[in-house]
């Protein structure tokens, strides 16, 4: 499974690079069902002037449209950074089957506040391509500070 996880995380990283290039916080997400990507998204908060336009929120909406329903029980979301509490809540409501993320988020990640926000059957995998995911975030924020 880890080989597939790395493949799909690389696809999420491609989305994060799109966000980076658009001067958005570089977080990307893809949703996979039955071995194929059904949704791709990256942060759009600046472009849409919408604080809720996180990659995960965009991907949840696109995936729900693709499956024709609000529940994503047979789907996996790959996201480059641990979802925040808002996105964790939305993922919980979607009953997503699995979440795979790269870099943890010690400040705003859902698990720092309340890991139980997710659906009890959701499987969590963390640390996939962590270094690459962290590096992109670090580069982005160093550019903002410097």
N, C-alpha and C. Protein backbone atom coordinates (compact mmCIF):
# COMPACT_ATOMS: atom_id res chain seq x y z
N UNK A 1 0.83 -1.20 0.00
CA UNK A 1 0.00 0.00 0.00
C UNK A 1 0.87 1.26 0.00
N UNK A 2 2.03 1.20 0.66
CA UNK A 2 2.85 2.40 0.78
C UNK A 2 3.32 2.91 -0.58
N UNK A 3 3.61 2.01 -1.52
CA UNK A 3 4.01 2.46 -2.86
C UNK A 3 2.89 3.28 -3.50
N UNK A 4 1.65 2.82 -3.41
CA UNK A 4 0.53 3.59 -3.92
C UNK A 4 0.37 4.89 -3.16
N UNK A 5 0.58 4.85 -1.85
CA UNK A 5 0.47 6.07 -1.05
C UNK A 5 1.48 7.10 -1.53
N UNK A 6 2.68 6.68 -1.82
CA UNK A 6 3.69 7.62 -2.32
C UNK A 6 3.30 8.18 -3.68
N UNK A 7 2.77 7.33 -4.55
CA UNK A 7 2.34 7.78 -5.88
C UNK A 7 1.28 8.88 -5.76
N UNK A 8 0.26 8.63 -4.98
CA UNK A 8 -0.83 9.60 -4.86
C UNK A 8 -0.40 10.84 -4.08
N UNK A 9 0.52 10.68 -3.13
CA UNK A 9 1.02 11.86 -2.42
C UNK A 9 1.81 12.74 -3.39
N UNK A 10 2.50 12.14 -4.32
CA UNK A 10 3.21 12.95 -5.35
C UNK A 10 2.20 13.76 -6.18
N UNK A 11 1.04 13.19 -6.41
CA UNK A 11 -0.01 13.92 -7.12
C UNK A 11 -0.53 15.08 -6.26
N UNK A 12 -0.67 14.85 -4.97
CA UNK A 12 -1.08 15.93 -4.06
C UNK A 12 0.00 17.01 -4.03
N UNK A 13 1.27 16.61 -4.06
CA UNK A 13 2.37 17.58 -4.09
C UNK A 13 2.32 18.44 -5.35
N UNK A 14 1.91 17.86 -6.47
CA UNK A 14 1.76 18.65 -7.70
C UNK A 14 0.73 19.76 -7.50
N UNK A 15 -0.33 19.43 -6.78
CA UNK A 15 -1.35 20.44 -6.48
C UNK A 15 -0.78 21.51 -5.54
N UNK A 16 0.01 21.08 -4.57
CA UNK A 16 0.63 22.03 -3.64
C UNK A 16 1.55 23.00 -4.38
N UNK A 17 2.26 22.50 -5.37
CA UNK A 17 3.14 23.37 -6.18
C UNK A 17 2.30 24.41 -6.93
N UNK A 18 1.14 24.01 -7.41
CA UNK A 18 0.25 24.98 -8.08
C UNK A 18 -0.14 26.10 -7.11
N UNK A 19 -0.43 25.72 -5.87
CA UNK A 19 -0.76 26.73 -4.85
C UNK A 19 0.44 27.63 -4.61
N UNK A 20 1.62 27.04 -4.45
CA UNK A 20 2.84 27.80 -4.23
C UNK A 20 3.05 28.82 -5.34
N UNK A 21 2.90 28.38 -6.58
CA UNK A 21 3.11 29.26 -7.73
C UNK A 21 2.08 30.38 -7.80
N UNK A 22 0.92 30.18 -7.18
CA UNK A 22 -0.13 31.20 -7.15
C UNK A 22 -0.06 32.04 -5.87
N UNK A 23 1.01 31.88 -5.11
CA UNK A 23 1.22 32.59 -3.84
C UNK A 23 0.15 32.25 -2.80
N UNK A 24 -0.31 31.01 -2.85
CA UNK A 24 -1.21 30.47 -1.84
C UNK A 24 -0.38 29.57 -0.92
N UNK A 25 -0.83 29.37 0.30
CA UNK A 25 -0.15 28.41 1.18
C UNK A 25 -0.14 27.07 0.43
N UNK A 26 1.05 26.49 0.26
CA UNK A 26 1.19 25.33 -0.64
C UNK A 26 0.73 24.01 -0.05
N UNK A 27 -0.57 23.84 -0.05
CA UNK A 27 -1.16 22.57 0.37
C UNK A 27 -1.99 22.04 -0.79
N UNK A 28 -1.79 20.76 -1.08
CA UNK A 28 -2.51 20.12 -2.16
C UNK A 28 -3.18 18.85 -1.68
N UNK A 29 -4.23 18.45 -2.39
CA UNK A 29 -4.97 17.25 -2.02
C UNK A 29 -5.50 16.56 -3.26
N UNK A 30 -5.56 15.24 -3.19
CA UNK A 30 -6.27 14.46 -4.19
C UNK A 30 -7.13 13.44 -3.44
N UNK A 31 -8.24 13.06 -4.06
CA UNK A 31 -9.10 12.03 -3.51
C UNK A 31 -9.12 10.88 -4.51
N UNK A 32 -8.92 9.68 -3.98
CA UNK A 32 -8.83 8.47 -4.79
C UNK A 32 -9.96 7.53 -4.43
N UNK A 33 -10.60 6.97 -5.47
CA UNK A 33 -11.62 5.94 -5.29
C UNK A 33 -11.38 4.86 -6.33
N UNK A 34 -11.40 3.63 -5.91
CA UNK A 34 -11.21 2.50 -6.82
C UNK A 34 -9.95 2.65 -7.68
N UNK A 35 -8.88 3.14 -7.06
CA UNK A 35 -7.60 3.22 -7.76
C UNK A 35 -7.47 4.35 -8.75
N UNK A 36 -8.40 5.29 -8.73
CA UNK A 36 -8.26 6.44 -9.63
C UNK A 36 -8.57 7.74 -8.92
N UNK A 37 -7.91 8.79 -9.36
CA UNK A 37 -8.11 10.11 -8.76
C UNK A 37 -9.43 10.68 -9.25
N UNK A 38 -10.30 11.01 -8.29
CA UNK A 38 -11.61 11.57 -8.66
C UNK A 38 -11.69 13.05 -8.32
N UNK A 39 -10.70 13.58 -7.59
CA UNK A 39 -10.70 15.01 -7.25
C UNK A 39 -9.26 15.46 -7.03
N UNK A 40 -8.97 16.68 -7.49
CA UNK A 40 -7.68 17.33 -7.27
C UNK A 40 -7.97 18.74 -6.80
N UNK A 41 -7.18 19.21 -5.83
CA UNK A 41 -7.42 20.57 -5.34
C UNK A 41 -6.18 21.10 -4.64
N UNK A 42 -6.14 22.41 -4.52
CA UNK A 42 -5.10 23.08 -3.74
C UNK A 42 -5.73 24.31 -3.10
N UNK A 43 -5.00 24.89 -2.16
CA UNK A 43 -5.54 26.06 -1.46
C UNK A 43 -5.90 27.17 -2.44
N UNK A 44 -7.04 27.79 -2.20
CA UNK A 44 -7.52 28.90 -3.02
C UNK A 44 -8.00 30.06 -2.16
N UNK A 45 -7.52 30.14 -0.93
CA UNK A 45 -8.04 31.15 -0.01
C UNK A 45 -7.76 32.57 -0.46
N UNK A 46 -6.60 32.81 -1.04
CA UNK A 46 -6.27 34.16 -1.53
C UNK A 46 -7.07 34.49 -2.78
N UNK A 47 -7.07 33.59 -3.72
CA UNK A 47 -7.75 33.84 -4.99
C UNK A 47 -9.26 34.04 -4.81
N UNK A 48 -9.84 33.25 -3.94
CA UNK A 48 -11.29 33.34 -3.73
C UNK A 48 -11.66 34.27 -2.57
N UNK A 49 -10.67 34.82 -1.91
CA UNK A 49 -10.87 35.61 -0.68
C UNK A 49 -11.88 34.92 0.23
N UNK A 50 -11.56 33.65 0.53
CA UNK A 50 -12.44 32.79 1.30
C UNK A 50 -11.58 31.94 2.24
N UNK A 51 -11.68 32.19 3.52
CA UNK A 51 -10.86 31.45 4.48
C UNK A 51 -11.18 29.96 4.53
N UNK A 52 -12.31 29.56 3.98
CA UNK A 52 -12.67 28.14 3.98
C UNK A 52 -12.21 27.42 2.72
N UNK A 53 -11.55 28.09 1.81
CA UNK A 53 -11.17 27.49 0.52
C UNK A 53 -9.86 26.71 0.62
N UNK A 54 -9.76 25.87 1.67
CA UNK A 54 -8.60 25.01 1.83
C UNK A 54 -8.64 23.88 0.80
N UNK A 55 -7.49 23.31 0.53
CA UNK A 55 -7.38 22.22 -0.44
C UNK A 55 -8.35 21.09 -0.11
N UNK A 56 -8.40 20.72 1.17
CA UNK A 56 -9.27 19.61 1.56
C UNK A 56 -10.74 19.92 1.30
N UNK A 57 -11.16 21.13 1.59
CA UNK A 57 -12.56 21.51 1.39
C UNK A 57 -12.91 21.47 -0.09
N UNK A 58 -12.01 21.97 -0.92
CA UNK A 58 -12.23 21.94 -2.37
C UNK A 58 -12.29 20.50 -2.87
N UNK A 59 -11.41 19.65 -2.35
CA UNK A 59 -11.36 18.25 -2.78
C UNK A 59 -12.59 17.48 -2.31
N UNK A 60 -13.07 17.76 -1.11
CA UNK A 60 -14.28 17.08 -0.62
C UNK A 60 -15.45 17.39 -1.54
N UNK A 61 -15.62 18.65 -1.89
CA UNK A 61 -16.73 19.04 -2.77
C UNK A 61 -16.63 18.37 -4.13
N UNK A 62 -15.43 18.39 -4.71
CA UNK A 62 -15.24 17.77 -6.03
C UNK A 62 -15.47 16.25 -5.96
N UNK A 63 -14.98 15.61 -4.90
CA UNK A 63 -15.16 14.16 -4.77
C UNK A 63 -16.63 13.80 -4.56
N UNK A 64 -17.34 14.58 -3.75
CA UNK A 64 -18.77 14.32 -3.54
C UNK A 64 -19.53 14.43 -4.86
N UNK A 65 -19.16 15.41 -5.67
CA UNK A 65 -19.78 15.53 -6.99
C UNK A 65 -19.46 14.33 -7.86
N UNK A 66 -18.22 13.85 -7.78
CA UNK A 66 -17.80 12.71 -8.60
C UNK A 66 -18.52 11.42 -8.21
N UNK A 67 -18.73 11.21 -6.90
CA UNK A 67 -19.40 9.98 -6.47
C UNK A 67 -20.91 10.12 -6.43
N UNK A 68 -21.40 11.33 -6.55
CA UNK A 68 -22.84 11.55 -6.56
C UNK A 68 -23.48 11.46 -5.19
N UNK A 69 -22.74 11.79 -4.15
CA UNK A 69 -23.29 11.76 -2.80
C UNK A 69 -22.33 12.40 -1.83
N UNK A 70 -22.82 12.67 -0.61
CA UNK A 70 -22.00 13.39 0.36
C UNK A 70 -21.04 12.52 1.14
N UNK A 71 -21.21 11.22 1.11
CA UNK A 71 -20.33 10.34 1.89
C UNK A 71 -19.22 9.77 1.02
N UNK A 72 -18.01 9.82 1.58
CA UNK A 72 -16.82 9.38 0.85
C UNK A 72 -16.19 8.16 1.54
N UNK A 73 -17.03 7.24 1.98
CA UNK A 73 -16.58 6.10 2.78
C UNK A 73 -15.60 5.20 2.04
N UNK A 74 -15.69 5.14 0.72
CA UNK A 74 -14.81 4.27 -0.06
C UNK A 74 -13.67 5.04 -0.71
N UNK A 75 -13.36 6.21 -0.16
CA UNK A 75 -12.33 7.08 -0.75
C UNK A 75 -11.17 7.29 0.21
N UNK A 76 -10.05 7.66 -0.37
CA UNK A 76 -8.87 8.07 0.39
C UNK A 76 -8.49 9.48 -0.03
N UNK A 77 -8.27 10.35 0.96
CA UNK A 77 -7.75 11.68 0.66
C UNK A 77 -6.27 11.69 0.97
N UNK A 78 -5.49 12.16 0.00
CA UNK A 78 -4.07 12.40 0.17
C UNK A 78 -3.90 13.90 0.25
N UNK A 79 -3.29 14.36 1.33
CA UNK A 79 -3.11 15.80 1.53
C UNK A 79 -1.70 16.02 2.07
N UNK A 80 -1.06 17.06 1.58
CA UNK A 80 0.35 17.28 1.88
C UNK A 80 0.62 17.68 3.32
N UNK A 81 -0.35 18.30 3.98
CA UNK A 81 -0.20 18.72 5.37
C UNK A 81 -1.42 18.25 6.15
N UNK A 82 -1.19 17.87 7.40
CA UNK A 82 -2.27 17.44 8.28
C UNK A 82 -3.43 18.43 8.22
N UNK A 83 -4.65 17.95 8.02
CA UNK A 83 -5.80 18.85 7.96
C UNK A 83 -5.99 19.64 9.26
N UNK A 84 -6.45 20.87 9.10
CA UNK A 84 -6.77 21.71 10.25
C UNK A 84 -8.08 21.21 10.88
N UNK A 85 -8.48 21.83 11.96
CA UNK A 85 -9.69 21.42 12.66
C UNK A 85 -10.93 21.58 11.78
N UNK A 86 -10.99 22.65 10.97
CA UNK A 86 -12.13 22.86 10.08
C UNK A 86 -12.21 21.73 9.06
N UNK A 87 -11.08 21.44 8.43
CA UNK A 87 -11.06 20.39 7.41
C UNK A 87 -11.26 19.02 8.03
N UNK A 88 -10.71 18.82 9.23
CA UNK A 88 -10.94 17.57 9.94
C UNK A 88 -12.42 17.34 10.20
N UNK A 89 -13.10 18.41 10.60
CA UNK A 89 -14.55 18.30 10.82
C UNK A 89 -15.29 17.94 9.56
N UNK A 90 -14.95 18.59 8.46
CA UNK A 90 -15.60 18.30 7.18
C UNK A 90 -15.30 16.87 6.73
N UNK A 91 -14.07 16.43 6.94
CA UNK A 91 -13.72 15.05 6.59
C UNK A 91 -14.48 14.07 7.45
N UNK A 92 -14.69 14.43 8.72
CA UNK A 92 -15.50 13.59 9.60
C UNK A 92 -16.93 13.47 9.10
N UNK A 93 -17.52 14.61 8.72
CA UNK A 93 -18.89 14.59 8.20
C UNK A 93 -18.99 13.81 6.90
N UNK A 94 -17.92 13.82 6.10
CA UNK A 94 -17.94 13.08 4.83
C UNK A 94 -17.78 11.58 5.04
N UNK A 95 -17.41 11.18 6.24
CA UNK A 95 -17.15 9.79 6.58
C UNK A 95 -16.09 9.16 5.68
N UNK A 96 -15.09 9.97 5.31
CA UNK A 96 -14.04 9.48 4.43
C UNK A 96 -13.40 8.22 5.02
N UNK A 97 -13.09 7.29 4.15
CA UNK A 97 -12.55 6.01 4.60
C UNK A 97 -11.13 6.08 5.10
N UNK A 98 -10.35 6.96 4.48
CA UNK A 98 -8.92 6.98 4.80
C UNK A 98 -8.35 8.35 4.51
N UNK A 99 -7.45 8.81 5.37
CA UNK A 99 -6.73 10.07 5.15
C UNK A 99 -5.24 9.75 5.24
N UNK A 100 -4.50 10.19 4.23
CA UNK A 100 -3.05 10.03 4.21
C UNK A 100 -2.47 11.43 4.09
N UNK A 101 -1.63 11.81 5.05
CA UNK A 101 -1.01 13.14 4.95
C UNK A 101 0.49 13.04 5.09
N UNK A 102 1.15 14.08 4.58
CA UNK A 102 2.60 14.11 4.60
C UNK A 102 3.13 14.72 5.87
N UNK A 103 3.10 16.03 5.96
CA UNK A 103 3.67 16.76 7.11
C UNK A 103 2.62 16.96 8.19
N UNK A 104 3.03 16.81 9.43
CA UNK A 104 2.16 17.14 10.55
C UNK A 104 2.08 18.65 10.71
N UNK A 105 1.09 19.10 11.46
CA UNK A 105 0.94 20.53 11.73
C UNK A 105 0.78 20.70 13.24
N UNK A 106 1.89 21.05 13.90
CA UNK A 106 1.89 21.18 15.36
C UNK A 106 1.06 22.34 15.87
N UNK A 107 0.76 23.30 15.00
CA UNK A 107 0.03 24.49 15.44
C UNK A 107 -1.47 24.40 15.19
N UNK A 108 -1.86 23.91 14.02
CA UNK A 108 -3.27 23.95 13.65
C UNK A 108 -3.86 22.62 13.21
N UNK A 109 -3.08 21.56 13.27
CA UNK A 109 -3.57 20.25 12.84
C UNK A 109 -4.71 19.75 13.71
N UNK A 110 -5.62 19.02 13.10
CA UNK A 110 -6.81 18.52 13.81
C UNK A 110 -6.43 17.67 15.02
N UNK A 111 -5.36 16.89 14.92
CA UNK A 111 -5.01 15.96 15.99
C UNK A 111 -4.51 16.68 17.25
N UNK A 112 -4.05 17.91 17.10
CA UNK A 112 -3.57 18.67 18.27
C UNK A 112 -4.76 19.15 19.10
N UNK A 113 -5.88 19.33 18.46
CA UNK A 113 -7.05 19.85 19.16
C UNK A 113 -8.03 18.74 19.54
N UNK A 114 -8.32 17.87 18.58
CA UNK A 114 -9.30 16.83 18.85
C UNK A 114 -9.26 15.77 17.77
N UNK A 115 -8.52 14.71 18.00
CA UNK A 115 -8.41 13.64 17.02
C UNK A 115 -9.75 12.95 16.78
N UNK A 116 -10.64 12.96 17.77
CA UNK A 116 -11.93 12.28 17.65
C UNK A 116 -12.89 13.01 16.71
N UNK A 117 -12.47 14.11 16.11
CA UNK A 117 -13.34 14.84 15.19
C UNK A 117 -13.62 14.03 13.92
N UNK A 118 -12.73 13.12 13.59
CA UNK A 118 -12.91 12.29 12.40
C UNK A 118 -13.90 11.16 12.68
N UNK A 119 -14.42 10.58 11.61
CA UNK A 119 -15.31 9.43 11.75
C UNK A 119 -14.52 8.29 12.40
N UNK A 120 -15.13 7.55 13.31
CA UNK A 120 -14.39 6.50 14.02
C UNK A 120 -13.80 5.41 13.12
N UNK A 121 -14.35 5.22 11.94
CA UNK A 121 -13.84 4.19 11.03
C UNK A 121 -12.76 4.71 10.08
N UNK A 122 -12.49 6.01 10.11
CA UNK A 122 -11.48 6.57 9.21
C UNK A 122 -10.09 6.12 9.62
N UNK A 123 -9.37 5.57 8.66
CA UNK A 123 -7.98 5.16 8.88
C UNK A 123 -7.08 6.36 8.59
N UNK A 124 -6.07 6.55 9.42
CA UNK A 124 -5.13 7.66 9.26
C UNK A 124 -3.73 7.11 9.03
N UNK A 125 -3.06 7.66 8.01
CA UNK A 125 -1.66 7.34 7.75
C UNK A 125 -0.95 8.69 7.65
N UNK A 126 0.17 8.83 8.36
CA UNK A 126 0.89 10.10 8.32
C UNK A 126 2.34 9.87 7.94
N UNK A 127 2.99 10.93 7.51
CA UNK A 127 4.42 10.89 7.24
C UNK A 127 4.81 10.45 5.85
N UNK A 128 3.86 10.27 4.95
CA UNK A 128 4.20 9.86 3.58
C UNK A 128 4.80 11.05 2.85
N UNK A 129 6.03 10.92 2.39
CA UNK A 129 6.79 11.99 1.72
C UNK A 129 6.86 13.24 2.60
N UNK A 130 6.97 13.02 3.89
CA UNK A 130 6.98 14.11 4.86
C UNK A 130 8.02 15.18 4.54
N UNK A 131 9.23 14.75 4.21
CA UNK A 131 10.30 15.73 3.96
C UNK A 131 9.95 16.65 2.80
N UNK A 132 9.43 16.10 1.71
CA UNK A 132 9.07 16.91 0.55
C UNK A 132 7.95 17.89 0.89
N UNK A 133 6.96 17.40 1.63
CA UNK A 133 5.83 18.25 2.02
C UNK A 133 6.29 19.38 2.94
N UNK A 134 7.12 19.04 3.92
CA UNK A 134 7.64 20.06 4.85
C UNK A 134 8.51 21.08 4.13
N UNK A 135 9.33 20.60 3.21
CA UNK A 135 10.24 21.49 2.49
C UNK A 135 9.49 22.55 1.70
N UNK A 136 8.42 22.17 1.04
CA UNK A 136 7.63 23.12 0.25
C UNK A 136 7.03 24.19 1.17
N UNK A 137 6.50 23.77 2.30
CA UNK A 137 5.92 24.73 3.25
C UNK A 137 7.01 25.66 3.79
N UNK A 138 8.14 25.10 4.16
CA UNK A 138 9.24 25.90 4.71
C UNK A 138 9.72 26.94 3.69
N UNK A 139 9.89 26.52 2.46
CA UNK A 139 10.33 27.43 1.41
C UNK A 139 9.33 28.57 1.22
N UNK A 140 8.05 28.25 1.22
CA UNK A 140 7.01 29.25 1.05
C UNK A 140 7.07 30.29 2.17
N UNK A 141 7.11 29.84 3.41
CA UNK A 141 7.08 30.77 4.52
C UNK A 141 8.39 31.53 4.70
N UNK A 142 9.50 30.92 4.33
CA UNK A 142 10.77 31.67 4.35
C UNK A 142 10.72 32.82 3.35
N UNK A 143 10.08 32.61 2.21
CA UNK A 143 9.91 33.67 1.21
C UNK A 143 9.03 34.78 1.71
N UNK A 144 8.07 34.45 2.56
CA UNK A 144 7.17 35.48 3.11
C UNK A 144 7.87 36.30 4.19
N UNK A 145 8.73 35.66 4.94
CA UNK A 145 9.42 36.34 6.05
C UNK A 145 10.64 37.11 5.59
N UNK A 146 11.28 36.63 4.51
CA UNK A 146 12.57 37.20 4.09
C UNK A 146 12.38 38.23 3.07
